[in-house]
Structure formats: structure tokens, C-alpha cells
Amino acid sequence: MTSVSSAKAQLAQTESHPNHPAAQQPRLTMYQRLEAFISRLSTRNNFWHKVCSLIWLPYAFRSGITMKRLDSKTFSAVLPFKRINRNWYNAMAGAALLGNSEVAAGMYLFSECGSDYIVVCKEMNYRFLRPCMGPAVYHIVNTEDVQEKIKAGGEFNIDLELEIRQQLKKNGRELRVGRCSITFHCTPKSHIRQRSRRHRKSATD
């Protein structure tokens, strides 16, 4: 019991030292805590995703795209066949299919990374295969291991591949209408805060 108490006292004394990493990490501001809370809320379900999209991502809100997580490894997003997403000859507009590819992949990646990361699209390649005459479903068919990259720490790039399929009315089948390859850059928010502090410090020196 004495050795355990001594170890705890030594650990507390070490962490209170000004050069210890735990002591150097500043507390989050009220704005940062609120931002993290809203970020977690936006991935909880489609209701909160729509509420957050209405404020910060109005294009996604108007398109009506919704996310589905069927299990821990299967994710899809559905883009409804509504007027705003259709072109003049009553097919799904190419711009809607292309733009919502980034939204669908970003929603998946954000749900994996959580509220501690900022996710930015670096590169995207979309291949149109055939016209889409109904609701479009985005399936993540191939991706690198996100959790392994998070465990490694720091910033990282990640490649994802999506298949875009049209929902058919008969037998619930899906017809492939496009493929998309997309690369995201993920940055921990703690790194951004550290850079901001360094810039402010260098500006005052």
C-alpha cells in the first residue's frame, strides 16, 4: 500500500512540473468545447445531421443526403431523387452526384475520426458510368484503416473508394452508375491549436 501511494504521489508531482506534457496542454476554451460537442452531435443520427447541415452545410441540407451505418464496417449514404438534384432531362444531375460524393465520404470519415480532427478533401476523381434515374446510394467499398492511422498520431492522408448505385424499385436491386476515388487530409485539432499558439508567441517576441 505504501509503495502504491508513493507512486501516485510521485506521478502527481511529475505531472505538476511545468515541463511535463500534461502540464503543458492548456484547457479547452468554452468555444472549443462547444465545437467538439456539436461535432459529436452531428454524427449521432440523421436528425442532428440535418440540423447541423442547415447551419454549416446548406448544400447537403438542400440535397437531402442522409447517412446509414448498417454495422461497424458497412456505411452508405442515400441521395434522394428530388427536384433540386435532377437536371433538365429528369436524371440525377452530374454536379449533384459529384458534389455529394465528397459529402458522403466526408460523413463516413468524420464519423470514424470523431470531433478531434479536421477533415479536408485534397483530390477527387469521379467516373460516370450511366445516367442515374432514381435515388443514388453511396457505398464505401475500399478504404485504408482509419483507426490505425489515428493510433499512429499526427496528420495523415487517407484514400477512399466509393461506388454510386441507383436504387431500383423492383426487388430492391441497385444499378451501378458511377465510381469515385477520393483523398482526404486529416489534421488533429490539437495540432492546429499548437500552431496557433506558436504563431502568436512568435508575433509577440
N, C-alpha and C. Protein backbone atom coordinates (compact mmCIF):
# COMPACT_ATOMS: atom_id res chain seq x y z
N MET A 1 0.83 -1.20 0.00
CA MET A 1 0.00 0.00 0.00
C MET A 1 0.86 1.25 0.00
N THR A 2 1.98 1.18 0.77
CA THR A 2 2.85 2.35 0.86
C THR A 2 3.51 2.65 -0.47
N SER A 3 3.96 1.57 -1.19
CA SER A 3 4.62 1.78 -2.47
C SER A 3 3.65 2.35 -3.50
N VAL A 4 2.38 1.88 -3.49
CA VAL A 4 1.38 2.38 -4.42
C VAL A 4 1.10 3.86 -4.16
N SER A 5 0.97 4.22 -2.86
CA SER A 5 0.73 5.62 -2.51
C SER A 5 1.90 6.50 -2.91
N SER A 6 3.11 5.98 -2.72
CA SER A 6 4.29 6.75 -3.09
C SER A 6 4.36 6.96 -4.60
N ALA A 7 3.98 5.91 -5.36
CA ALA A 7 4.00 6.02 -6.82
C ALA A 7 2.99 7.05 -7.29
N LYS A 8 1.79 7.05 -6.67
CA LYS A 8 0.76 8.03 -7.04
C LYS A 8 1.22 9.44 -6.72
N ALA A 9 1.86 9.61 -5.55
CA ALA A 9 2.34 10.93 -5.17
C ALA A 9 3.43 11.41 -6.12
N GLN A 10 4.31 10.47 -6.53
CA GLN A 10 5.38 10.84 -7.45
C GLN A 10 4.82 11.23 -8.81
N LEU A 11 3.78 10.46 -9.28
CA LEU A 11 3.16 10.77 -10.57
C LEU A 11 2.49 12.13 -10.55
N ALA A 12 1.79 12.43 -9.46
CA ALA A 12 1.14 13.73 -9.34
C ALA A 12 2.15 14.86 -9.32
N GLN A 13 3.28 14.64 -8.63
CA GLN A 13 4.33 15.66 -8.57
C GLN A 13 4.96 15.87 -9.95
N THR A 14 5.13 14.75 -10.71
CA THR A 14 5.73 14.85 -12.04
C THR A 14 4.83 15.61 -12.99
N GLU A 15 3.50 15.31 -12.95
CA GLU A 15 2.56 15.95 -13.86
C GLU A 15 2.37 17.43 -13.53
N SER A 16 2.65 17.79 -12.26
CA SER A 16 2.53 19.19 -11.88
C SER A 16 3.75 20.00 -12.29
N HIS A 17 4.80 19.31 -12.72
CA HIS A 17 6.01 20.01 -13.15
C HIS A 17 5.72 20.77 -14.43
N PRO A 18 6.17 21.99 -14.59
CA PRO A 18 5.83 22.81 -15.76
C PRO A 18 6.31 22.25 -17.08
N ASN A 19 7.34 21.35 -17.08
CA ASN A 19 7.85 20.81 -18.32
C ASN A 19 7.17 19.50 -18.72
N HIS A 20 6.27 19.00 -17.90
CA HIS A 20 5.58 17.75 -18.21
C HIS A 20 4.54 18.01 -19.29
N PRO A 21 4.38 17.08 -20.29
CA PRO A 21 3.41 17.30 -21.38
C PRO A 21 2.00 17.53 -20.89
N ALA A 22 1.60 16.82 -19.82
CA ALA A 22 0.24 17.00 -19.31
C ALA A 22 0.04 18.40 -18.76
N ALA A 23 1.12 18.95 -18.17
CA ALA A 23 1.01 20.31 -17.63
C ALA A 23 1.03 21.36 -18.72
N GLN A 24 1.69 21.00 -19.87
CA GLN A 24 1.81 21.96 -20.94
C GLN A 24 0.53 22.06 -21.78
N GLN A 25 -0.35 21.03 -21.72
CA GLN A 25 -1.57 21.04 -22.51
C GLN A 25 -2.59 21.97 -21.88
N PRO A 26 -2.94 23.09 -22.53
CA PRO A 26 -3.87 24.04 -21.94
C PRO A 26 -5.30 23.51 -21.98
N ARG A 27 -6.11 24.03 -21.11
CA ARG A 27 -7.51 23.64 -21.09
C ARG A 27 -8.22 24.22 -22.31
N LEU A 28 -9.23 23.46 -22.78
CA LEU A 28 -10.01 23.94 -23.92
C LEU A 28 -10.88 25.11 -23.50
N THR A 29 -11.04 26.05 -24.43
CA THR A 29 -11.92 27.18 -24.16
C THR A 29 -13.37 26.73 -24.28
N MET A 30 -14.28 27.60 -23.86
CA MET A 30 -15.70 27.30 -23.96
C MET A 30 -16.10 27.07 -25.42
N TYR A 31 -15.57 27.89 -26.34
CA TYR A 31 -15.88 27.73 -27.76
C TYR A 31 -15.39 26.38 -28.28
N GLN A 32 -14.19 25.96 -27.89
CA GLN A 32 -13.64 24.69 -28.35
C GLN A 32 -14.44 23.51 -27.82
N ARG A 33 -14.87 23.59 -26.56
CA ARG A 33 -15.70 22.52 -26.00
C ARG A 33 -17.06 22.46 -26.69
N LEU A 34 -17.63 23.64 -27.01
CA LEU A 34 -18.91 23.68 -27.71
C LEU A 34 -18.78 23.11 -29.12
N GLU A 35 -17.68 23.45 -29.80
CA GLU A 35 -17.44 22.94 -31.15
C GLU A 35 -17.34 21.42 -31.14
N ALA A 36 -16.62 20.86 -30.15
CA ALA A 36 -16.48 19.41 -30.05
C ALA A 36 -17.83 18.75 -29.78
N PHE A 37 -18.65 19.38 -28.93
CA PHE A 37 -19.97 18.83 -28.62
C PHE A 37 -20.86 18.80 -29.86
N ILE A 38 -20.87 19.89 -30.63
CA ILE A 38 -21.70 19.96 -31.83
C ILE A 38 -21.19 18.96 -32.88
N SER A 39 -19.87 18.79 -32.98
CA SER A 39 -19.31 17.83 -33.93
C SER A 39 -19.76 16.42 -33.61
N ARG A 40 -19.74 16.05 -32.32
CA ARG A 40 -20.21 14.72 -31.93
C ARG A 40 -21.70 14.58 -32.19
N LEU A 41 -22.44 15.65 -31.95
CA LEU A 41 -23.89 15.63 -32.13
C LEU A 41 -24.27 15.41 -33.59
N SER A 42 -23.49 16.00 -34.50
CA SER A 42 -23.81 15.93 -35.93
C SER A 42 -23.70 14.52 -36.49
N THR A 43 -22.95 13.63 -35.83
CA THR A 43 -22.81 12.26 -36.30
C THR A 43 -23.65 11.27 -35.51
N ARG A 44 -24.46 11.78 -34.59
CA ARG A 44 -25.25 10.87 -33.74
C ARG A 44 -26.37 10.21 -34.52
N ASN A 45 -27.13 10.98 -35.28
CA ASN A 45 -28.20 10.43 -36.11
C ASN A 45 -28.53 11.43 -37.21
N ASN A 46 -29.46 11.05 -38.09
CA ASN A 46 -29.78 11.90 -39.24
C ASN A 46 -30.49 13.19 -38.84
N PHE A 47 -31.25 13.16 -37.73
CA PHE A 47 -31.93 14.38 -37.30
C PHE A 47 -30.92 15.47 -36.98
N TRP A 48 -29.93 15.15 -36.14
CA TRP A 48 -28.94 16.16 -35.76
C TRP A 48 -28.02 16.49 -36.93
N HIS A 49 -27.80 15.52 -37.81
CA HIS A 49 -27.01 15.82 -39.01
C HIS A 49 -27.71 16.87 -39.87
N LYS A 50 -29.03 16.75 -40.02
CA LYS A 50 -29.77 17.73 -40.82
C LYS A 50 -29.77 19.10 -40.16
N VAL A 51 -29.91 19.12 -38.83
CA VAL A 51 -29.91 20.40 -38.12
C VAL A 51 -28.57 21.11 -38.31
N CYS A 52 -27.47 20.37 -38.15
CA CYS A 52 -26.14 20.97 -38.31
C CYS A 52 -25.88 21.35 -39.77
N SER A 53 -26.38 20.53 -40.70
CA SER A 53 -26.20 20.84 -42.13
C SER A 53 -26.93 22.12 -42.50
N LEU A 54 -28.10 22.34 -41.91
CA LEU A 54 -28.87 23.55 -42.21
C LEU A 54 -28.05 24.80 -41.91
N ILE A 55 -27.21 24.74 -40.88
CA ILE A 55 -26.43 25.91 -40.45
C ILE A 55 -25.09 25.98 -41.16
N TRP A 56 -24.36 24.85 -41.18
CA TRP A 56 -22.97 24.89 -41.65
C TRP A 56 -22.77 24.27 -43.05
N LEU A 57 -23.71 23.48 -43.53
CA LEU A 57 -23.55 22.83 -44.82
C LEU A 57 -24.89 22.86 -45.57
N PRO A 58 -25.33 24.06 -45.98
CA PRO A 58 -26.66 24.20 -46.56
C PRO A 58 -26.85 23.40 -47.85
N TYR A 59 -25.76 23.17 -48.61
CA TYR A 59 -25.90 22.38 -49.83
C TYR A 59 -26.34 20.96 -49.50
N ALA A 60 -25.70 20.34 -48.50
CA ALA A 60 -26.07 18.98 -48.10
C ALA A 60 -27.49 18.95 -47.55
N PHE A 61 -27.88 20.01 -46.84
CA PHE A 61 -29.24 20.06 -46.29
C PHE A 61 -30.27 20.11 -47.41
N ARG A 62 -30.02 20.94 -48.43
CA ARG A 62 -30.99 21.07 -49.52
C ARG A 62 -31.03 19.81 -50.38
N SER A 63 -29.90 19.14 -50.56
CA SER A 63 -29.89 17.92 -51.37
C SER A 63 -30.62 16.78 -50.68
N GLY A 64 -30.67 16.81 -49.35
CA GLY A 64 -31.39 15.78 -48.60
C GLY A 64 -30.61 14.50 -48.36
N ILE A 65 -29.29 14.51 -48.58
CA ILE A 65 -28.49 13.29 -48.39
C ILE A 65 -28.52 12.87 -46.92
N THR A 66 -28.66 11.58 -46.70
CA THR A 66 -28.70 11.01 -45.34
C THR A 66 -27.71 9.87 -45.26
N MET A 67 -27.19 9.62 -44.06
CA MET A 67 -26.20 8.57 -43.88
C MET A 67 -26.83 7.36 -43.21
N LYS A 68 -26.30 6.19 -43.55
CA LYS A 68 -26.74 4.93 -42.96
C LYS A 68 -25.52 4.13 -42.54
N ARG A 69 -25.48 3.72 -41.28
CA ARG A 69 -24.43 2.79 -40.84
C ARG A 69 -25.11 1.47 -40.52
N LEU A 70 -24.94 0.50 -41.42
CA LEU A 70 -25.61 -0.78 -41.27
C LEU A 70 -24.97 -1.63 -40.18
N ASP A 71 -23.66 -1.56 -40.04
CA ASP A 71 -22.93 -2.21 -38.96
C ASP A 71 -21.61 -1.48 -38.80
N SER A 72 -20.71 -2.05 -37.98
CA SER A 72 -19.45 -1.35 -37.67
C SER A 72 -18.56 -1.18 -38.91
N LYS A 73 -18.78 -1.98 -39.96
CA LYS A 73 -17.91 -1.93 -41.14
C LYS A 73 -18.63 -1.48 -42.41
N THR A 74 -19.95 -1.34 -42.35
CA THR A 74 -20.72 -1.03 -43.56
C THR A 74 -21.39 0.32 -43.42
N PHE A 75 -21.06 1.22 -44.35
CA PHE A 75 -21.59 2.57 -44.34
C PHE A 75 -22.12 2.91 -45.72
N SER A 76 -23.26 3.59 -45.77
CA SER A 76 -23.77 4.08 -47.05
C SER A 76 -24.50 5.40 -46.81
N ALA A 77 -24.66 6.16 -47.88
CA ALA A 77 -25.40 7.41 -47.82
C ALA A 77 -26.37 7.42 -49.00
N VAL A 78 -27.56 8.00 -48.78
CA VAL A 78 -28.61 7.99 -49.80
C VAL A 78 -28.93 9.42 -50.22
N LEU A 79 -28.86 9.66 -51.54
CA LEU A 79 -29.21 10.96 -52.10
C LEU A 79 -30.58 10.83 -52.78
N PRO A 80 -31.62 11.50 -52.26
CA PRO A 80 -32.97 11.32 -52.81
C PRO A 80 -33.11 11.89 -54.22
N PHE A 81 -34.05 11.33 -54.97
CA PHE A 81 -34.30 11.76 -56.35
C PHE A 81 -35.32 12.89 -56.32
N LYS A 82 -34.88 14.06 -55.83
CA LYS A 82 -35.77 15.21 -55.70
C LYS A 82 -35.41 16.26 -56.74
N ARG A 83 -36.31 17.23 -56.92
CA ARG A 83 -36.18 18.20 -57.99
C ARG A 83 -34.84 18.92 -57.98
N ILE A 84 -34.36 19.31 -56.82
CA ILE A 84 -33.12 20.08 -56.75
C ILE A 84 -31.92 19.28 -57.20
N ASN A 85 -31.99 17.94 -57.17
CA ASN A 85 -30.87 17.09 -57.56
C ASN A 85 -30.97 16.62 -59.00
N ARG A 86 -32.04 16.97 -59.73
CA ARG A 86 -32.25 16.48 -61.09
C ARG A 86 -31.91 17.56 -62.12
N ASN A 87 -31.58 17.12 -63.32
CA ASN A 87 -31.29 18.06 -64.41
C ASN A 87 -32.51 18.22 -65.31
N TRP A 88 -32.33 18.89 -66.45
CA TRP A 88 -33.47 19.25 -67.29
C TRP A 88 -34.12 18.05 -67.97
N TYR A 89 -33.36 16.91 -68.14
CA TYR A 89 -33.99 15.73 -68.75
C TYR A 89 -34.35 14.66 -67.71
N ASN A 90 -34.54 15.11 -66.47
CA ASN A 90 -35.11 14.30 -65.39
C ASN A 90 -34.22 13.13 -64.96
N ALA A 91 -32.92 13.30 -65.06
CA ALA A 91 -31.96 12.36 -64.48
C ALA A 91 -31.23 13.06 -63.34
N MET A 92 -30.58 12.27 -62.49
CA MET A 92 -29.80 12.88 -61.41
C MET A 92 -28.67 13.72 -62.03
N ALA A 93 -28.57 14.95 -61.61
CA ALA A 93 -27.57 15.86 -62.17
C ALA A 93 -26.16 15.38 -61.83
N GLY A 94 -25.26 15.52 -62.80
CA GLY A 94 -23.87 15.12 -62.56
C GLY A 94 -23.24 15.89 -61.42
N ALA A 95 -23.56 17.19 -61.33
CA ALA A 95 -22.99 18.00 -60.24
C ALA A 95 -23.48 17.51 -58.88
N ALA A 96 -24.73 17.05 -58.80
CA ALA A 96 -25.25 16.53 -57.54
C ALA A 96 -24.55 15.23 -57.15
N LEU A 97 -24.36 14.34 -58.14
CA LEU A 97 -23.66 13.08 -57.87
C LEU A 97 -22.22 13.33 -57.45
N LEU A 98 -21.55 14.26 -58.16
CA LEU A 98 -20.15 14.57 -57.87
C LEU A 98 -19.99 15.25 -56.52
N GLY A 99 -20.76 16.32 -56.29
CA GLY A 99 -20.62 17.08 -55.05
C GLY A 99 -20.96 16.26 -53.82
N ASN A 100 -21.99 15.43 -53.92
CA ASN A 100 -22.38 14.64 -52.76
C ASN A 100 -21.46 13.45 -52.51
N SER A 101 -20.59 13.13 -53.47
CA SER A 101 -19.56 12.11 -53.21
C SER A 101 -18.64 12.58 -52.09
N GLU A 102 -18.24 13.86 -52.15
CA GLU A 102 -17.40 14.41 -51.08
C GLU A 102 -18.16 14.44 -49.76
N VAL A 103 -19.45 14.82 -49.82
CA VAL A 103 -20.26 14.88 -48.60
C VAL A 103 -20.38 13.49 -47.97
N ALA A 104 -20.69 12.47 -48.80
CA ALA A 104 -20.86 11.11 -48.29
C ALA A 104 -19.57 10.56 -47.69
N ALA A 105 -18.46 10.72 -48.44
CA ALA A 105 -17.17 10.23 -47.93
C ALA A 105 -16.74 11.00 -46.69
N GLY A 106 -17.00 12.31 -46.67
CA GLY A 106 -16.65 13.12 -45.51
C GLY A 106 -17.44 12.74 -44.27
N MET A 107 -18.74 12.42 -44.45
CA MET A 107 -19.55 12.00 -43.32
C MET A 107 -19.04 10.69 -42.73
N TYR A 108 -18.66 9.77 -43.62
CA TYR A 108 -18.11 8.50 -43.14
C TYR A 108 -16.82 8.73 -42.36
N LEU A 109 -15.90 9.50 -42.97
CA LEU A 109 -14.60 9.72 -42.34
C LEU A 109 -14.73 10.49 -41.03
N PHE A 110 -15.63 11.47 -41.00
CA PHE A 110 -15.83 12.24 -39.79
C PHE A 110 -16.39 11.37 -38.67
N SER A 111 -17.27 10.42 -39.02
CA SER A 111 -17.80 9.52 -38.00
C SER A 111 -16.73 8.60 -37.46
N GLU A 112 -15.70 8.30 -38.27
CA GLU A 112 -14.60 7.45 -37.83
C GLU A 112 -13.59 8.23 -37.00
N CYS A 113 -13.25 9.45 -37.44
CA CYS A 113 -12.23 10.25 -36.75
C CYS A 113 -12.76 10.92 -35.49
N GLY A 114 -14.05 11.27 -35.48
CA GLY A 114 -14.61 11.96 -34.33
C GLY A 114 -14.38 13.45 -34.40
N SER A 115 -14.68 14.11 -33.30
CA SER A 115 -14.67 15.58 -33.27
C SER A 115 -13.28 16.17 -33.06
N ASP A 116 -12.26 15.33 -32.92
CA ASP A 116 -10.91 15.84 -32.65
C ASP A 116 -10.10 16.10 -33.91
N TYR A 117 -10.71 15.87 -35.08
CA TYR A 117 -9.99 16.04 -36.35
C TYR A 117 -10.72 16.98 -37.28
N ILE A 118 -9.94 17.70 -38.10
CA ILE A 118 -10.47 18.47 -39.21
C ILE A 118 -10.17 17.69 -40.48
N VAL A 119 -11.20 17.46 -41.28
CA VAL A 119 -11.10 16.61 -42.47
C VAL A 119 -11.28 17.49 -43.72
N VAL A 120 -10.30 17.47 -44.62
CA VAL A 120 -10.32 18.30 -45.82
C VAL A 120 -10.07 17.42 -47.05
N CYS A 121 -10.90 17.61 -48.09
CA CYS A 121 -10.73 16.87 -49.34
C CYS A 121 -9.54 17.44 -50.12
N LYS A 122 -8.61 16.58 -50.53
CA LYS A 122 -7.44 17.02 -51.30
C LYS A 122 -7.60 16.74 -52.79
N GLU A 123 -8.18 15.59 -53.11
CA GLU A 123 -8.27 15.19 -54.51
C GLU A 123 -9.45 14.25 -54.69
N MET A 124 -10.16 14.39 -55.83
CA MET A 124 -11.30 13.52 -56.09
C MET A 124 -11.39 13.24 -57.57
N ASN A 125 -11.66 11.98 -57.92
CA ASN A 125 -11.82 11.57 -59.31
C ASN A 125 -13.12 10.79 -59.43
N TYR A 126 -14.06 11.29 -60.26
CA TYR A 126 -15.36 10.64 -60.41
C TYR A 126 -15.49 10.13 -61.84
N ARG A 127 -15.95 8.90 -61.98
CA ARG A 127 -16.17 8.32 -63.31
C ARG A 127 -17.67 8.03 -63.47
N PHE A 128 -18.29 8.69 -64.44
CA PHE A 128 -19.71 8.48 -64.74
C PHE A 128 -19.84 7.25 -65.63
N LEU A 129 -20.67 6.29 -65.23
CA LEU A 129 -20.86 5.05 -65.98
C LEU A 129 -22.16 5.04 -66.78
N ARG A 130 -23.24 5.54 -66.18
CA ARG A 130 -24.53 5.58 -66.87
C ARG A 130 -25.42 6.60 -66.15
N PRO A 131 -26.49 7.07 -66.81
CA PRO A 131 -27.39 8.02 -66.15
C PRO A 131 -28.05 7.39 -64.92
N CYS A 132 -28.26 8.22 -63.91
CA CYS A 132 -28.94 7.78 -62.68
C CYS A 132 -30.36 8.32 -62.73
N MET A 133 -31.37 7.41 -62.79
CA MET A 133 -32.77 7.80 -62.95
C MET A 133 -33.58 7.56 -61.68
N GLY A 134 -32.92 7.55 -60.54
CA GLY A 134 -33.60 7.34 -59.27
C GLY A 134 -32.68 7.72 -58.12
N PRO A 135 -33.08 7.42 -56.88
CA PRO A 135 -32.23 7.73 -55.72
C PRO A 135 -30.85 7.10 -55.86
N ALA A 136 -29.81 7.84 -55.47
CA ALA A 136 -28.43 7.36 -55.55
C ALA A 136 -27.95 6.93 -54.17
N VAL A 137 -27.28 5.78 -54.12
CA VAL A 137 -26.74 5.25 -52.87
C VAL A 137 -25.22 5.20 -52.98
N TYR A 138 -24.54 5.83 -52.02
CA TYR A 138 -23.08 5.86 -51.98
C TYR A 138 -22.58 4.78 -51.02
N HIS A 139 -21.78 3.87 -51.55
CA HIS A 139 -21.22 2.80 -50.73
C HIS A 139 -19.70 2.97 -50.63
N ILE A 140 -19.17 2.93 -49.40
CA ILE A 140 -17.72 2.89 -49.21
C ILE A 140 -17.28 1.46 -49.45
N VAL A 141 -16.54 1.22 -50.54
CA VAL A 141 -16.17 -0.15 -50.90
C VAL A 141 -14.72 -0.46 -50.57
N ASN A 142 -13.90 0.56 -50.39
CA ASN A 142 -12.49 0.31 -50.07
C ASN A 142 -11.91 1.52 -49.36
N THR A 143 -11.21 1.28 -48.28
CA THR A 143 -10.58 2.37 -47.55
C THR A 143 -9.41 1.84 -46.75
N GLU A 144 -8.46 2.70 -46.50
CA GLU A 144 -7.36 2.35 -45.60
C GLU A 144 -7.89 2.30 -44.17
N ASP A 145 -7.10 1.70 -43.28
CA ASP A 145 -7.52 1.55 -41.89
C ASP A 145 -7.41 2.90 -41.18
N VAL A 146 -8.56 3.53 -40.93
CA VAL A 146 -8.58 4.86 -40.31
C VAL A 146 -8.05 4.80 -38.88
N GLN A 147 -8.50 3.79 -38.13
CA GLN A 147 -8.11 3.71 -36.73
C GLN A 147 -6.61 3.49 -36.55
N GLU A 148 -6.00 2.74 -37.46
CA GLU A 148 -4.54 2.55 -37.39
C GLU A 148 -3.81 3.87 -37.59
N LYS A 149 -4.32 4.69 -38.51
CA LYS A 149 -3.69 5.99 -38.76
C LYS A 149 -3.88 6.94 -37.58
N ILE A 150 -5.05 6.84 -36.93
CA ILE A 150 -5.30 7.68 -35.76
C ILE A 150 -4.37 7.27 -34.62
N LYS A 151 -4.19 5.95 -34.43
CA LYS A 151 -3.32 5.46 -33.36
C LYS A 151 -1.87 5.88 -33.60
N ALA A 152 -1.47 5.98 -34.87
CA ALA A 152 -0.09 6.39 -35.18
C ALA A 152 0.16 7.83 -34.79
N GLY A 153 -0.93 8.63 -34.71
CA GLY A 153 -0.80 10.03 -34.29
C GLY A 153 -0.41 10.95 -35.42
N GLY A 154 -0.67 12.23 -35.21
CA GLY A 154 -0.29 13.23 -36.19
C GLY A 154 -1.27 13.33 -37.36
N GLU A 155 -0.84 14.11 -38.35
CA GLU A 155 -1.66 14.30 -39.55
C GLU A 155 -1.48 13.10 -40.48
N PHE A 156 -2.48 12.87 -41.32
CA PHE A 156 -2.37 11.77 -42.26
C PHE A 156 -3.30 12.00 -43.45
N ASN A 157 -2.94 11.37 -44.58
CA ASN A 157 -3.81 11.30 -45.75
C ASN A 157 -4.47 9.93 -45.78
N ILE A 158 -5.68 9.87 -46.32
CA ILE A 158 -6.37 8.59 -46.43
C ILE A 158 -7.14 8.55 -47.74
N ASP A 159 -7.07 7.40 -48.41
CA ASP A 159 -7.75 7.19 -49.69
C ASP A 159 -8.99 6.35 -49.49
N LEU A 160 -10.07 6.76 -50.13
CA LEU A 160 -11.33 6.03 -50.09
C LEU A 160 -11.83 5.80 -51.51
N GLU A 161 -12.55 4.70 -51.70
CA GLU A 161 -13.20 4.41 -52.97
C GLU A 161 -14.69 4.21 -52.71
N LEU A 162 -15.50 4.85 -53.54
CA LEU A 162 -16.95 4.75 -53.41
C LEU A 162 -17.54 4.18 -54.69
N GLU A 163 -18.62 3.43 -54.52
CA GLU A 163 -19.47 3.03 -55.63
C GLU A 163 -20.79 3.76 -55.48
N ILE A 164 -21.26 4.34 -56.58
CA ILE A 164 -22.53 5.05 -56.56
C ILE A 164 -23.52 4.21 -57.36
N ARG A 165 -24.63 3.86 -56.73
CA ARG A 165 -25.61 2.98 -57.35
C ARG A 165 -27.00 3.62 -57.31
N GLN A 166 -27.79 3.31 -58.34
CA GLN A 166 -29.18 3.77 -58.38
C GLN A 166 -30.07 2.71 -57.74
N GLN A 167 -30.94 3.16 -56.84
CA GLN A 167 -31.91 2.26 -56.26
C GLN A 167 -33.00 1.95 -57.27
N LEU A 168 -33.23 0.67 -57.51
CA LEU A 168 -34.30 0.25 -58.41
C LEU A 168 -35.54 -0.12 -57.61
N LYS A 169 -36.69 0.16 -58.19
CA LYS A 169 -37.95 -0.10 -57.49
C LYS A 169 -38.23 -1.59 -57.36
N LYS A 170 -37.79 -2.38 -58.35
CA LYS A 170 -38.09 -3.80 -58.36
C LYS A 170 -37.04 -4.58 -57.57
N ASN A 171 -37.48 -5.39 -56.65
CA ASN A 171 -36.63 -6.34 -55.90
C ASN A 171 -35.54 -5.67 -55.07
N GLY A 172 -35.60 -4.34 -54.91
CA GLY A 172 -34.62 -3.66 -54.09
C GLY A 172 -33.21 -3.73 -54.65
N ARG A 173 -33.08 -4.00 -55.95
CA ARG A 173 -31.76 -4.09 -56.56
C ARG A 173 -31.15 -2.71 -56.75
N GLU A 174 -29.84 -2.67 -56.99
CA GLU A 174 -29.13 -1.42 -57.22
C GLU A 174 -28.29 -1.53 -58.49
N LEU A 175 -28.32 -0.50 -59.30
CA LEU A 175 -27.59 -0.45 -60.56
C LEU A 175 -26.43 0.53 -60.42
N ARG A 176 -25.22 0.06 -60.68
CA ARG A 176 -24.05 0.92 -60.52
C ARG A 176 -24.04 2.00 -61.60
N VAL A 177 -23.92 3.26 -61.15
CA VAL A 177 -23.94 4.39 -62.10
C VAL A 177 -22.64 5.19 -62.07
N GLY A 178 -21.77 4.96 -61.09
CA GLY A 178 -20.53 5.72 -61.04
C GLY A 178 -19.55 5.16 -60.02
N ARG A 179 -18.29 5.59 -60.15
CA ARG A 179 -17.23 5.25 -59.19
C ARG A 179 -16.50 6.53 -58.82
N CYS A 180 -16.03 6.57 -57.58
CA CYS A 180 -15.33 7.76 -57.12
C CYS A 180 -14.13 7.37 -56.26
N SER A 181 -12.99 7.96 -56.57
CA SER A 181 -11.79 7.82 -55.73
C SER A 181 -11.52 9.18 -55.11
N ILE A 182 -11.28 9.19 -53.82
CA ILE A 182 -11.15 10.47 -53.13
C ILE A 182 -10.07 10.38 -52.04
N THR A 183 -9.31 11.45 -51.89
CA THR A 183 -8.25 11.52 -50.88
C THR A 183 -8.55 12.66 -49.92
N PHE A 184 -8.48 12.36 -48.63
CA PHE A 184 -8.69 13.36 -47.59
C PHE A 184 -7.42 13.55 -46.78
N HIS A 185 -7.26 14.77 -46.27
CA HIS A 185 -6.19 15.07 -45.32
C HIS A 185 -6.84 15.33 -43.95
N CYS A 186 -6.36 14.62 -42.95
CA CYS A 186 -6.93 14.71 -41.60
C CYS A 186 -5.89 15.31 -40.65
N THR A 187 -6.29 16.35 -39.94
CA THR A 187 -5.40 17.06 -39.02
C THR A 187 -6.02 17.11 -37.63
N PRO A 188 -5.30 16.66 -36.61
CA PRO A 188 -5.83 16.81 -35.24
C PRO A 188 -6.01 18.28 -34.89
N LYS A 189 -7.13 18.60 -34.26
CA LYS A 189 -7.37 19.98 -33.87
C LYS A 189 -6.34 20.46 -32.86
N SER A 190 -5.78 19.54 -32.07
CA SER A 190 -4.75 19.92 -31.10
C SER A 190 -3.51 20.46 -31.81
N HIS A 191 -3.19 19.92 -33.00
CA HIS A 191 -2.04 20.43 -33.76
C HIS A 191 -2.28 21.85 -34.24
N ILE A 192 -3.51 22.10 -34.67
CA ILE A 192 -3.85 23.44 -35.15
C ILE A 192 -3.77 24.44 -34.00
N ARG A 193 -4.23 24.05 -32.82
CA ARG A 193 -4.15 24.95 -31.66
C ARG A 193 -2.69 25.21 -31.28
N GLN A 194 -1.84 24.17 -31.36
CA GLN A 194 -0.43 24.36 -31.05
C GLN A 194 0.24 25.31 -32.04
N ARG A 195 -0.08 25.16 -33.32
CA ARG A 195 0.49 26.06 -34.32
C ARG A 195 0.04 27.50 -34.09
N SER A 196 -1.23 27.64 -33.74
CA SER A 196 -1.75 28.98 -33.49
C SER A 196 -1.05 29.63 -32.31
N ARG A 197 -0.79 28.85 -31.26
CA ARG A 197 -0.08 29.39 -30.09
C ARG A 197 1.35 29.77 -30.45
N ARG A 198 2.00 28.94 -31.29
CA ARG A 198 3.38 29.25 -31.69
C ARG A 198 3.44 30.53 -32.52
N HIS A 199 2.45 30.69 -33.41
CA HIS A 199 2.42 31.90 -34.24
C HIS A 199 2.19 33.15 -33.40
N ARG A 200 1.28 33.03 -32.43
CA ARG A 200 1.03 34.18 -31.56
C ARG A 200 2.26 34.51 -30.71
N LYS A 201 2.96 33.46 -30.28
CA LYS A 201 4.14 33.68 -29.45
C LYS A 201 5.24 34.33 -30.27
N SER A 202 5.43 33.84 -31.51
CA SER A 202 6.49 34.42 -32.36
C SER A 202 6.15 35.86 -32.77
N ALA A 203 4.86 36.16 -32.87
CA ALA A 203 4.46 37.53 -33.24
C ALA A 203 4.72 38.52 -32.11
N THR A 204 4.64 38.03 -30.87
CA THR A 204 4.85 38.90 -29.73
C THR A 204 6.33 39.03 -29.37
N ASP A 205 7.16 38.08 -29.82
CA ASP A 205 8.60 38.12 -29.49
C ASP A 205 9.33 39.21 -30.30
